[in-house]
Protein backbone atom coordinates (compact mmCIF):
# COMPACT_ATOMS: atom_id res chain seq x y z
CA MET A 1 -69.29 127.75 97.27
CA GLY A 2 -72.58 127.34 98.77
CA GLN A 3 -75.95 129.60 98.28
CA THR A 4 -75.79 133.01 100.39
CA VAL A 5 -78.46 134.34 101.52
CA PHE A 6 -78.29 136.72 98.20
CA SER A 7 -78.07 134.18 95.63
CA GLU A 8 -80.45 132.58 97.51
CA THR A 9 -82.96 135.81 97.26
CA ILE A 10 -82.42 137.50 94.37
CA ARG A 11 -83.59 133.44 92.86
CA GLU A 12 -87.00 133.29 94.76
CA LEU A 13 -87.68 137.37 92.99
CA ARG A 14 -86.79 135.54 89.58
CA GLN A 15 -88.85 133.37 89.78
CA ASN A 16 -91.89 135.05 91.87
CA ALA A 17 -92.34 137.60 88.83
CA GLY A 18 -92.11 135.43 86.47
CA TYR A 19 -88.43 136.03 84.83
CA THR A 20 -86.01 133.83 83.45
CA GLN A 21 -82.39 134.12 83.85
CA ALA A 22 -82.17 135.09 80.15
CA GLU A 23 -84.50 137.81 80.75
CA VAL A 24 -83.24 139.23 83.76
CA SER A 25 -79.89 139.53 82.26
CA ARG A 26 -80.83 141.11 79.50
CA ILE A 27 -82.79 143.60 81.85
CA LEU A 28 -79.10 143.98 83.75
CA ASN A 29 -77.38 144.28 80.43
CA ILE A 30 -75.16 140.84 81.32
CA GLN A 31 -74.19 138.36 80.26
CA ARG A 32 -76.93 134.71 81.12
CA GLN A 33 -73.77 132.58 82.61
CA THR A 34 -72.23 135.41 84.49
CA TYR A 35 -76.42 136.61 85.95
CA CYS A 36 -76.13 131.98 87.18
CA ASN A 37 -73.14 132.64 88.08
CA TYR A 38 -75.09 135.43 90.61
CA GLU A 39 -77.84 132.81 91.60
CA ASN A 40 -75.10 130.34 92.32
CA ALA A 41 -73.44 132.12 94.50
CA LEU A 42 -69.68 130.96 92.03
CA ARG A 43 -70.09 135.60 92.04
CA ASN A 44 -70.38 138.25 93.14
CA PRO A 45 -72.00 140.85 91.46
CA PRO A 46 -70.71 144.88 91.70
CA LEU A 47 -72.97 147.32 93.54
CA GLU A 48 -74.33 149.13 90.16
CA ILE A 49 -75.93 145.26 89.21
CA ILE A 50 -77.15 144.78 93.31
CA VAL A 51 -78.76 148.29 92.38
CA ALA A 52 -80.14 147.53 89.50
CA LEU A 53 -81.44 144.22 91.04
CA ALA A 54 -82.94 145.82 94.01
CA GLU A 55 -84.74 148.66 91.13
CA LEU A 56 -85.78 145.46 89.35
CA TYR A 57 -87.96 143.95 92.21
CA HIS A 58 -89.18 147.47 93.87
CA VAL A 59 -86.89 145.99 97.59
CA SER A 60 -84.53 147.58 99.32
CA ILE A 61 -80.60 146.44 99.22
CA ASP A 62 -80.26 145.73 102.37
CA HIS A 63 -83.42 142.62 101.52
CA LEU A 64 -81.23 141.20 99.42
CA VAL A 65 -77.87 140.95 100.83
CA ARG A 66 -79.43 140.41 104.41
CA GLY A 67 -82.55 138.10 103.26
CA THR A 68 -83.91 140.60 105.63
CA ASP A 69 -88.62 141.01 105.41
CA CYS A 70 -88.01 144.84 105.15
CA ALA A 71 -90.71 146.51 103.77
CA PRO A 72 -90.75 146.74 99.89
CA ALA A 73 -89.21 149.84 99.16
CA ALA A 74 -90.95 153.24 97.16
CA GLY A 75 -93.27 152.28 94.42
CA ASP A 76 -94.34 148.89 96.14
CA SER A 77 -95.51 147.01 92.77
CA ALA A 78 -96.10 143.21 95.30
CA SER A 79 -99.75 143.72 93.94
CA LEU A 80 -99.28 143.59 89.71
CA SER A 81 -98.83 140.85 87.81
CA PRO A 82 -95.27 139.79 85.69
CA SER A 83 -96.38 141.58 82.76
CA GLU A 84 -97.18 145.12 84.08
CA LYS A 85 -93.88 144.06 85.36
CA LYS A 86 -92.18 143.79 82.53
CA LEU A 87 -93.88 147.18 81.00
CA LEU A 88 -93.02 148.80 83.42
CA GLU A 89 -89.18 147.61 83.44
CA GLY A 90 -89.25 148.26 79.97
CA PHE A 91 -90.66 151.76 79.93
CA SER A 92 -88.16 152.46 82.76
CA VAL A 93 -85.41 151.88 80.21
CA LEU A 94 -86.55 154.09 77.64
CA PRO A 95 -85.05 157.46 77.34
CA GLU A 96 -87.47 160.49 78.38
CA GLN A 97 -88.69 161.30 75.17
CA LEU A 98 -89.83 158.58 74.55
CA GLN A 99 -91.03 158.07 78.32
CA ARG A 100 -93.85 161.50 77.21
CA GLU A 101 -94.80 159.90 74.06
CA VAL A 102 -95.93 156.69 75.90
CA LEU A 103 -97.38 158.42 77.97
CA GLU A 104 -99.23 161.27 75.90
CA PHE A 105 -100.52 157.98 73.77
CA VAL A 106 -101.66 155.78 76.72
CA GLN A 107 -103.99 158.80 77.58
CA PHE A 108 -105.23 158.87 73.79
CA LYS A 109 -106.40 155.69 73.87
CA LYS A 110 -107.81 156.49 77.39
CA GLN A 111 -109.60 159.44 75.45
CA LEU A 112 -111.12 157.48 73.12
CA GLY A 113 -112.53 154.91 75.95
CA GLY A 114 -110.51 152.14 74.44
């Protein structure tokens, strides 16, 4: 099976974001080999993985499957560094209570000036 627009797009987005295949597979909660099969166009991912990838890279699903030059989805993170993107991704998977605690800590640190 040859490369598809989807497989090429997710590889490019992953590399541009500074992620390894292992990191993305961990974020998606799937086996690394499964993710590798998506990038190599050996398997098609289920819809929930496509949605998760669009959210991870802040692009539209249309951009993932068609490779169109659509404007990034709401919450564009194009100007964020890979470490900032990882931080946001990690925050987004926390339970709501822990997210509130993290935000309170950030506010506390800002008040201290550090």
